[in-house]
C-alpha atoms as a PDB file:
ATOM      1  CA  MET A   1      23.169 -40.997 -23.569  1.00  0.00           C
ATOM      2  CA  ALA A   2      21.527 -42.401 -20.374  1.00  0.00           C
ATOM      3  CA  LYS A   3      20.301 -45.982 -20.451  1.00  0.00           C
ATOM      4  CA  VAL A   4      17.935 -45.443 -17.488  1.00  0.00           C
ATOM      5  CA  CYS A   5      15.945 -42.311 -16.497  1.00  0.00           C
ATOM      6  CA  ILE A   6      18.203 -39.684 -15.145  1.00  0.00           C
ATOM      7  CA  PHE A   7      15.644 -38.801 -12.427  1.00  0.00           C
ATOM      8  CA  CYS A   8      14.169 -42.236 -11.053  1.00  0.00           C
ATOM      9  CA  GLY A   9      16.256 -44.830 -12.773  1.00  0.00           C
ATOM     10  CA  GLY A  10      13.177 -46.214 -14.743  1.00  0.00           C
ATOM     11  CA  THR A  11      12.541 -47.463 -18.254  1.00  0.00           C
ATOM     12  CA  PRO A  12      11.664 -47.304 -20.948  1.00  0.00           C
ATOM     13  CA  LEU A  13      13.109 -43.867 -22.002  1.00  0.00           C
ATOM     14  CA  THR A  14      11.212 -41.587 -24.010  1.00  0.00           C
ATOM     15  CA  LYS A  15      12.159 -38.539 -26.233  1.00  0.00           C
ATOM     16  CA  GLU A  16      11.717 -35.224 -24.426  1.00  0.00           C
ATOM     17  CA  HIS A  17      11.655 -31.676 -26.147  1.00  0.00           C
ATOM     18  CA  VAL A  18      14.111 -29.451 -24.147  1.00  0.00           C
ATOM     19  CA  LEU A  19      11.507 -26.647 -24.842  1.00  0.00           C
ATOM     20  CA  PRO A  20       7.852 -27.453 -25.381  1.00  0.00           C
ATOM     21  CA  ARG A  21       6.680 -27.148 -28.823  1.00  0.00           C
ATOM     22  CA  TRP A  22       3.731 -25.093 -27.745  1.00  0.00           C
ATOM     23  CA  LEU A  23       6.222 -22.255 -27.193  1.00  0.00           C
ATOM     24  CA  LYS A  24       6.000 -21.487 -30.795  1.00  0.00           C
ATOM     25  CA  VAL A  25       3.167 -19.183 -30.098  1.00  0.00           C
ATOM     26  CA  ALA A  26       5.630 -16.883 -28.117  1.00  0.00           C
ATOM     27  CA  LEU A  27       8.537 -16.861 -30.536  1.00  0.00           C
ATOM     28  CA  ASP A  28       9.007 -14.574 -33.516  1.00  0.00           C
ATOM     29  CA  PRO A  29       9.234 -16.921 -36.526  1.00  0.00           C
ATOM     30  CA  THR A  30      11.788 -14.509 -38.130  1.00  0.00           C
ATOM     31  CA  VAL A  31      14.075 -14.941 -35.199  1.00  0.00           C
ATOM     32  CA  ARG A  32      15.432 -18.508 -35.172  1.00  0.00           C
ATOM     33  CA  ARG A  33      18.796 -18.767 -33.587  1.00  0.00           C
ATOM     34  CA  HIS A  34      19.261 -20.726 -30.472  1.00  0.00           C
ATOM     35  CA  ARG A  35      22.683 -20.843 -28.714  1.00  0.00           C
ATOM     36  CA  TYR A  36      23.665 -23.238 -26.004  1.00  0.00           C
ATOM     37  CA  ILE A  37      27.037 -22.430 -24.233  1.00  0.00           C
ATOM     38  CA  ARG A  38      28.272 -24.762 -21.601  1.00  0.00           C
ATOM     39  CA  LEU A  39      31.061 -23.264 -19.494  1.00  0.00           C
ATOM     40  CA  SER A  40      33.044 -24.892 -16.688  1.00  0.00           C
ATOM     41  CA  LEU A  41      36.515 -23.829 -15.794  1.00  0.00           C
ATOM     42  CA  ASP A  42      38.552 -24.134 -19.017  1.00  0.00           C
ATOM     43  CA  THR A  43      35.751 -25.472 -21.271  1.00  0.00           C
ATOM     44  CA  ALA A  44      33.489 -23.810 -23.480  1.00  0.00           C
ATOM     45  CA  ARG A  45      31.127 -25.406 -26.047  1.00  0.00           C
ATOM     46  CA  HIS A  46      28.913 -23.827 -28.467  1.00  0.00           C
ATOM     47  CA  HIS A  47      25.885 -25.136 -30.111  1.00  0.00           C
ATOM     48  CA  ASP A  48      23.656 -23.430 -32.571  1.00  0.00           C
ATOM     49  CA  ALA A  49      20.284 -24.656 -33.682  1.00  0.00           C
ATOM     50  CA  PRO A  50      16.581 -23.873 -34.115  1.00  0.00           C
ATOM     51  CA  PRO A  51      15.257 -23.186 -30.554  1.00  0.00           C
ATOM     52  CA  LEU A  52      12.522 -25.797 -30.478  1.00  0.00           C
ATOM     53  CA  ASN A  53      14.348 -28.621 -32.192  1.00  0.00           C
ATOM     54  CA  ASP A  54      16.364 -29.982 -29.509  1.00  0.00           C
ATOM     55  CA  GLN A  55      15.409 -33.399 -27.961  1.00  0.00           C
ATOM     56  CA  VAL A  56      16.852 -35.729 -25.454  1.00  0.00           C
ATOM     57  CA  LYS A  57      16.107 -39.354 -24.662  1.00  0.00           C
ATOM     58  CA  VAL A  58      17.045 -39.419 -20.981  1.00  0.00           C
ATOM     59  CA  VAL A  59      13.793 -39.562 -19.093  1.00  0.00           C
ATOM     60  CA  CYS A  60      11.313 -42.384 -18.642  1.00  0.00           C
ATOM     61  CA  SER A  61       7.691 -42.324 -19.795  1.00  0.00           C
ATOM     62  CA  ASN A  62       6.388 -41.923 -16.203  1.00  0.00           C
ATOM     63  CA  CYS A  63       8.515 -38.894 -15.456  1.00  0.00           C
ATOM     64  CA  ASN A  64       7.789 -37.436 -18.825  1.00  0.00           C
ATOM     65  CA  SER A  65       4.049 -37.809 -18.855  1.00  0.00           C
ATOM     66  CA  GLY A  66       3.841 -37.180 -15.051  1.00  0.00           C
ATOM     67  CA  TRP A  67       5.351 -34.563 -12.961  1.00  0.00           C
ATOM     68  CA  MET A  68       7.425 -33.256 -15.823  1.00  0.00           C
ATOM     69  CA  ASN A  69       4.291 -32.629 -17.952  1.00  0.00           C
ATOM     70  CA  GLN A  70       2.458 -31.016 -15.096  1.00  0.00           C
ATOM     71  CA  MET A  71       5.250 -28.385 -14.730  1.00  0.00           C
ATOM     72  CA  GLU A  72       4.901 -27.606 -18.460  1.00  0.00           C
ATOM     73  CA  GLU A  73       1.061 -27.079 -17.754  1.00  0.00           C
ATOM     74  CA  ASP A  74       1.906 -25.069 -14.571  1.00  0.00           C
ATOM     75  CA  VAL A  75       3.576 -22.304 -16.727  1.00  0.00           C
ATOM     76  CA  ARG A  76       1.632 -22.465 -19.841  1.00  0.00           C
ATOM     77  CA  ASP A  77      -0.672 -19.602 -19.042  1.00  0.00           C
ATOM     78  CA  PHE A  78       1.992 -16.996 -18.262  1.00  0.00           C
ATOM     79  CA  LEU A  79       5.238 -18.184 -19.907  1.00  0.00           C
ATOM     80  CA  PRO A  80       4.511 -16.722 -23.481  1.00  0.00           C
ATOM     81  CA  ALA A  81       3.842 -13.321 -21.874  1.00  0.00           C
ATOM     82  CA  LEU A  82       7.228 -13.423 -20.050  1.00  0.00           C
ATOM     83  CA  ILE A  83       9.030 -14.495 -23.327  1.00  0.00           C
ATOM     84  CA  ARG A  84       7.323 -11.648 -25.312  1.00  0.00           C
ATOM     85  CA  GLY A  85       7.635  -9.099 -22.605  1.00  0.00           C
ATOM     86  CA  THR A  86       3.749  -8.406 -22.385  1.00  0.00           C
ATOM     87  CA  PRO A  87       2.385  -7.352 -18.992  1.00  0.00           C
ATOM     88  CA  CYS A  88       1.469  -9.851 -16.391  1.00  0.00           C
ATOM     89  CA  THR A  89       1.884 -10.226 -12.534  1.00  0.00           C
ATOM     90  CA  LEU A  90       3.724 -13.222 -11.025  1.00  0.00           C
ATOM     91  CA  GLY A  91       2.518 -14.207  -7.582  1.00  0.00           C
ATOM     92  CA  ALA A  92       4.116 -16.638  -5.233  1.00  0.00           C
ATOM     93  CA  GLU A  93       2.721 -19.739  -6.900  1.00  0.00           C
ATOM     94  CA  ALA A  94       3.702 -18.565 -10.455  1.00  0.00           C
ATOM     95  CA  GLN A  95       7.167 -17.853  -9.266  1.00  0.00           C
ATOM     96  CA  ARG A  96       7.324 -21.413  -7.723  1.00  0.00           C
ATOM     97  CA  ALA A  97       6.067 -22.849 -10.916  1.00  0.00           C
ATOM     98  CA  LEU A  98       8.511 -20.813 -13.140  1.00  0.00           C
ATOM     99  CA  SER A  99      11.472 -21.717 -10.830  1.00  0.00           C
ATOM    100  CA  SER A 100      10.657 -25.551 -11.068  1.00  0.00           C
ATOM    101  CA  TRP A 101      10.080 -25.335 -14.694  1.00  0.00           C
ATOM    102  CA  SER A 102      13.242 -23.458 -15.366  1.00  0.00           C
ATOM    103  CA  LEU A 103      15.354 -25.927 -13.198  1.00  0.00           C
ATOM    104  CA  LYS A 104      13.781 -28.838 -15.235  1.00  0.00           C
ATOM    105  CA  THR A 105      14.720 -27.191 -18.596  1.00  0.00           C
ATOM    106  CA  MET A 106      18.267 -26.331 -17.462  1.00  0.00           C
ATOM    107  CA  LEU A 107      18.717 -30.008 -16.379  1.00  0.00           C
ATOM    108  CA  MET A 108      17.372 -31.265 -19.926  1.00  0.00           C
ATOM    109  CA  PHE A 109      19.837 -28.695 -21.599  1.00  0.00           C
ATOM    110  CA  GLN A 110      22.753 -30.503 -19.809  1.00  0.00           C
ATOM    111  CA  TYR A 111      22.068 -33.638 -22.029  1.00  0.00           C
ATOM    112  CA  THR A 112      22.315 -31.837 -25.293  1.00  0.00           C
ATOM    113  CA  HIS A 113      26.071 -32.159 -24.978  1.00  0.00           C
ATOM    114  CA  PRO A 114      28.329 -35.284 -24.985  1.00  0.00           C
ATOM    115  CA  SER A 115      29.103 -36.921 -21.535  1.00  0.00           C
ATOM    116  CA  GLU A 116      32.690 -35.666 -21.392  1.00  0.00           C
ATOM    117  CA  VAL A 117      31.330 -32.127 -21.197  1.00  0.00           C
ATOM    118  CA  ARG A 118      28.329 -32.777 -18.959  1.00  0.00           C
ATOM    119  CA  ASN A 119      29.579 -32.511 -15.392  1.00  0.00           C
ATOM    120  CA  VAL A 120      28.642 -29.037 -14.019  1.00  0.00           C
ATOM    121  CA  ILE A 121      25.391 -30.277 -12.256  1.00  0.00           C
ATOM    122  CA  PRO A 122      25.864 -33.487 -10.281  1.00  0.00           C
ATOM    123  CA  GLU A 123      23.917 -36.434 -10.491  1.00  0.00           C
ATOM    124  CA  SER A 124      22.847 -35.956  -6.865  1.00  0.00           C
ATOM    125  CA  ASP A 125      20.923 -32.688  -7.903  1.00  0.00           C
ATOM    126  CA  PHE A 126      18.987 -34.611 -10.572  1.00  0.00           C
ATOM    127  CA  ALA A 127      18.024 -37.149  -7.816  1.00  0.00           C
ATOM    128  CA  THR A 128      16.937 -34.536  -5.327  1.00  0.00           C
ATOM    129  CA  PHE A 129      14.814 -32.542  -8.020  1.00  0.00           C
ATOM    130  CA  SER A 130      13.012 -35.798  -8.967  1.00  0.00           C
ATOM    131  CA  GLU A 131      11.943 -36.111  -5.402  1.00  0.00           C
ATOM    132  CA  VAL A 132      10.974 -32.609  -4.508  1.00  0.00           C
ATOM    133  CA  HIS A 133       9.950 -31.324  -7.905  1.00  0.00           C
ATOM    134  CA  GLU A 134      11.277 -27.793  -7.075  1.00  0.00           C
ATOM    135  CA  PRO A 135      14.564 -26.063  -6.252  1.00  0.00           C
ATOM    136  CA  THR A 136      15.980 -26.597  -2.831  1.00  0.00           C
ATOM    137  CA  ALA A 137      16.786 -24.468   0.196  1.00  0.00           C
ATOM    138  CA  SER A 138      20.416 -24.464  -1.100  1.00  0.00           C
ATOM    139  CA  MET A 139      19.198 -22.641  -4.261  1.00  0.00           C
ATOM    140  CA  LEU A 140      18.354 -19.081  -5.177  1.00  0.00           C
ATOM    141  CA  GLY A 141      16.329 -18.087  -8.233  1.00  0.00           C
ATOM    142  CA  ARG A 142      15.956 -14.646  -9.882  1.00  0.00           C
ATOM    143  CA  LEU A 143      14.205 -13.350 -12.843  1.00  0.00           C
ATOM    144  CA  GLY A 144      15.602 -10.735 -15.263  1.00  0.00           C
ATOM    145  CA  PHE A 145      14.310  -8.809 -18.287  1.00  0.00           C
ATOM    146  CA  MET A 146      15.961  -8.317 -21.569  1.00  0.00           C
ATOM    147  CA  ASN A 147      14.739  -6.607 -24.739  1.00  0.00           C
ATOM    148  CA  TYR A 148      13.399  -9.001 -27.321  1.00  0.00           C
ATOM    149  CA  PRO A 149      16.165 -10.011 -29.986  1.00  0.00           C
ATOM    150  CA  PRO A 150      15.685  -7.852 -32.989  1.00  0.00           C
ATOM    151  CA  ASP A 151      17.163 -10.374 -35.439  1.00  0.00           C
ATOM    152  CA  ASP A 152      19.328 -13.521 -35.702  1.00  0.00           C
ATOM    153  CA  ASN A 153      22.386 -11.679 -34.581  1.00  0.00           C
ATOM    154  CA  VAL A 154      21.284 -11.968 -31.035  1.00  0.00           C
ATOM    155  CA  PRO A 155      20.246 -15.515 -29.872  1.00  0.00           C
ATOM    156  CA  LEU A 156      16.486 -15.967 -29.197  1.00  0.00           C
ATOM    157  CA  VAL A 157      17.509 -18.675 -26.578  1.00  0.00           C
ATOM    158  CA  ASP A 158      20.742 -18.714 -24.816  1.00  0.00           C
ATOM    159  CA  THR A 159      21.784 -20.910 -21.819  1.00  0.00           C
ATOM    160  CA  LEU A 160      25.008 -20.826 -19.853  1.00  0.00           C
ATOM    161  CA  CYS A 161      26.008 -23.203 -16.841  1.00  0.00           C
ATOM    162  CA  GLN A 162      29.095 -22.483 -14.702  1.00  0.00           C
ATOM    163  CA  GLY A 163      30.483 -24.864 -11.965  1.00  0.00           C
ATOM    164  CA  TYR A 164      32.336 -23.609  -8.806  1.00  0.00           C
ATOM    165  CA  GLY A 165      33.990 -26.024  -6.441  1.00  0.00           C
ATOM    166  CA  THR A 166      34.146 -29.797  -6.721  1.00  0.00           C
ATOM    167  CA  SER A 167      31.543 -32.223  -5.547  1.00  0.00           C
ATOM    168  CA  GLN A 168      34.183 -34.698  -4.420  1.00  0.00           C
ATOM    169  CA  LEU A 169      34.911 -32.300  -1.630  1.00  0.00           C
ATOM    170  CA  GLY A 170      31.191 -31.691  -0.719  1.00  0.00           C
ATOM    171  CA  ARG A 171      31.351 -28.113  -2.386  1.00  0.00           C
ATOM    172  CA  VAL A 172      28.786 -28.489  -4.922  1.00  0.00           C
ATOM    173  CA  ALA A 173      28.049 -24.977  -6.502  1.00  0.00           C
ATOM    174  CA  TRP A 174      26.952 -23.853  -9.775  1.00  0.00           C
ATOM    175  CA  ILE A 175      25.017 -21.144 -11.654  1.00  0.00           C
ATOM    176  CA  SER A 176      22.783 -21.793 -14.499  1.00  0.00           C
ATOM    177  CA  THR A 177      21.097 -19.074 -16.685  1.00  0.00           C
ATOM    178  CA  LEU A 178      18.396 -19.590 -19.228  1.00  0.00           C
ATOM    179  CA  LYS A 179      17.289 -16.727 -21.638  1.00  0.00           C
ATOM    180  CA  ILE A 180      14.448 -17.111 -23.906  1.00  0.00           C
ATOM    181  CA  GLY A 181      13.227 -13.892 -25.664  1.00  0.00           C
ATOM    182  CA  CYS A 182      12.818 -11.208 -23.003  1.00  0.00           C
ATOM    183  CA  MET A 183      12.890 -13.720 -20.023  1.00  0.00           C
ATOM    184  CA  VAL A 184      16.065 -14.416 -18.181  1.00  0.00           C
ATOM    185  CA  VAL A 185      16.006 -16.948 -15.302  1.00  0.00           C
ATOM    186  CA  GLN A 186      18.990 -17.755 -13.110  1.00  0.00           C
ATOM    187  CA  ILE A 187      19.308 -20.612 -10.699  1.00  0.00           C
ATOM    188  CA  ILE A 188      21.975 -20.336  -8.218  1.00  0.00           C
ATOM    189  CA  ARG A 189      23.103 -23.557  -6.319  1.00  0.00           C
ATOM    190  CA  ALA A 190      25.139 -23.012  -3.286  1.00  0.00           C
ATOM    191  CA  PRO A 191      26.791 -25.697  -1.066  1.00  0.00           C
ATOM    192  CA  ASP A 192      24.305 -27.374   1.209  1.00  0.00           C
ATOM    193  CA  VAL A 193      23.080 -24.953   3.886  1.00  0.00           C
ATOM    194  CA  ALA A 194      23.310 -26.138   7.491  1.00  0.00           C
ATOM    195  CA  LYS A 195      20.119 -26.529   9.496  1.00  0.00           C
ATOM    196  CA  GLY A 196      19.167 -23.204  11.178  1.00  0.00           C
ATOM    197  CA  SER A 197      20.459 -21.200   8.345  1.00  0.00           C
ATOM    198  CA  ARG A 198      19.262 -19.861   4.878  1.00  0.00           C
ATOM    199  CA  LEU A 199      20.633 -18.227   1.836  1.00  0.00           C
ATOM    200  CA  ALA A 200      20.047 -14.510   1.767  1.00  0.00           C
ATOM    201  CA  PRO A 201      18.277 -13.425  -1.466  1.00  0.00           C
ATOM    202  CA  TYR A 202      19.950 -11.193  -3.923  1.00  0.00           C
ATOM    203  CA  GLU A 203      19.048  -7.695  -3.885  1.00  0.00           C
ATOM    204  CA  ALA A 204      16.064  -6.535  -6.057  1.00  0.00           C
ATOM    205  CA  LEU A 205      17.188  -4.497  -9.106  1.00  0.00           C
ATOM    206  CA  PRO A 206      15.268  -2.661 -11.887  1.00  0.00           C
ATOM    207  CA  SER A 207      16.276  -5.537 -14.168  1.00  0.00           C
ATOM    208  CA  LEU A 208      16.260  -8.500 -11.887  1.00  0.00           C
ATOM    209  CA  ARG A 209      13.991  -9.713  -9.162  1.00  0.00           C
ATOM    210  CA  PRO A 210      14.286 -12.607  -6.477  1.00  0.00           C
ATOM    211  CA  MET A 211      12.132 -15.343  -7.451  1.00  0.00           C
ATOM    212  CA  TRP A 212      13.161 -18.464  -5.311  1.00  0.00           C
ATOM    213  CA  PRO A 213      12.236 -18.733  -2.594  1.00  0.00           C
ATOM    214  CA  PRO A 214       9.081 -17.119  -3.827  1.00  0.00           C
ATOM    215  CA  ALA A 215       9.147 -13.314  -3.073  1.00  0.00           C
ATOM    216  CA  GLU A 216       6.950 -10.171  -3.536  1.00  0.00           C
ATOM    217  CA  PRO A 217       4.757 -10.219  -6.625  1.00  0.00           C
ATOM    218  CA  ILE A 218       6.650  -9.310  -9.775  1.00  0.00           C
ATOM    219  CA  GLU A 219       5.209  -6.928 -12.135  1.00  0.00           C
ATOM    220  CA  TRP A 220       6.210  -7.904 -15.724  1.00  0.00           C
ATOM    221  CA  PRO A 221       7.887  -6.467 -17.697  1.00  0.00           C
ATOM    222  CA  LEU A 222      10.493  -5.077 -15.333  1.00  0.00           C
ATOM    223  CA  PRO A 223      11.267  -1.390 -15.606  1.00  0.00           C
ATOM    224  CA  GLN A 224      14.820  -1.804 -16.952  1.00  0.00           C
ATOM    225  CA  ALA A 225      16.347  -4.291 -19.487  1.00  0.00           C
ATOM    226  CA  ILE A 226      19.729  -6.004 -18.877  1.00  0.00           C
ATOM    227  CA  PRO A 227      22.191  -4.919 -21.493  1.00  0.00           C
ATOM    228  CA  ARG A 228      23.018  -7.755 -23.792  1.00  0.00           C
ATOM    229  CA  GLU A 229      26.791  -7.008 -23.464  1.00  0.00           C
ATOM    230  CA  THR A 230      26.567  -7.887 -19.785  1.00  0.00           C
ATOM    231  CA  MET A 231      24.795 -11.269 -20.275  1.00  0.00           C
ATOM    232  CA  THR A 232      28.108 -13.368 -20.119  1.00  0.00           C
ATOM    233  CA  ALA A 233      29.299 -11.468 -16.945  1.00  0.00           C
ATOM    234  CA  LEU A 234      25.843 -12.089 -15.347  1.00  0.00           C
ATOM    235  CA  ALA A 235      25.818 -15.747 -16.172  1.00  0.00           C
ATOM    236  CA  HIS A 236      29.496 -16.420 -15.557  1.00  0.00           C
ATOM    237  CA  PRO A 237      30.643 -14.333 -12.537  1.00  0.00           C
ATOM    238  CA  GLN A 238      34.364 -14.715 -11.570  1.00  0.00           C
ATOM    239  CA  VAL A 239      33.263 -14.936  -7.832  1.00  0.00           C
ATOM    240  CA  PHE A 240      30.500 -17.243  -6.500  1.00  0.00           C
ATOM    241  CA  ASP A 241      28.897 -14.481  -4.371  1.00  0.00           C
ATOM    242  CA  VAL A 242      26.050 -15.765  -1.899  1.00  0.00           C
ATOM    243  CA  ARG A 243      25.634 -15.156   1.813  1.00  0.00           C
ATOM    244  CA  VAL A 244      24.369 -17.609   4.352  1.00  0.00           C
ATOM    245  CA  VAL A 245      22.443 -16.085   7.304  1.00  0.00           C
ATOM    246  CA  PRO A 246      20.822 -17.469  10.287  1.00  0.00           C
ATOM    247  CA  ILE A 247      16.991 -18.088  10.305  1.00  0.00           C
ATOM    248  CA  GLN A 248      15.323 -15.724  12.593  1.00  0.00           C
ATOM    249  CA  ALA A 249      13.292 -17.205  15.313  1.00  0.00           C
END
């Protein structure tokens, strides 16, 4: 585990729940299974545990009780509705808040595994996130809908993170996917985008909507559910497919 804060380098370190305890109100108590799968090239690691038990001790008290806590508060009003699949509307500010909270949660999930299998997201991305507190211009985010798990045969919480390229060559790219109940959030990190260019958002689909950068309002739940059998293909595509386009004057 880290000896100094993974975000700012500060101390003392405090324990942080990867998922906040208040999410208990959104989770069916009869469905308990949580599965974390870390994927990178030839490595796959599975972890099964109750969804709200995971804690990591890698952030300092200032970060934990400051901007990280604010991110929890920013999604508290609507996150349970997304998880349960109950109607709500996500405007630009809600999309921004959800994108930021999801990225924070994905970064915390990286530290639920030993150091030898924790190298998909580079340290530089942690440092940048601690400065800007939101995804960057080299990231895309999208929100998907899945049917709520009927029982413990389907994980209530499922996360996957896949790396593409190598940071040593300056080609940092990864895709991280987080599913909680009905909600699927995906953050796509492309190699740094040159000035004067931007990433082209993914196409809006019945089961997936662009969310970062904030886009058109999203009416939840989406009209179509992502089939469970396609989850791995969605989270672990064989080809890293993003387009860089010039910014229109």
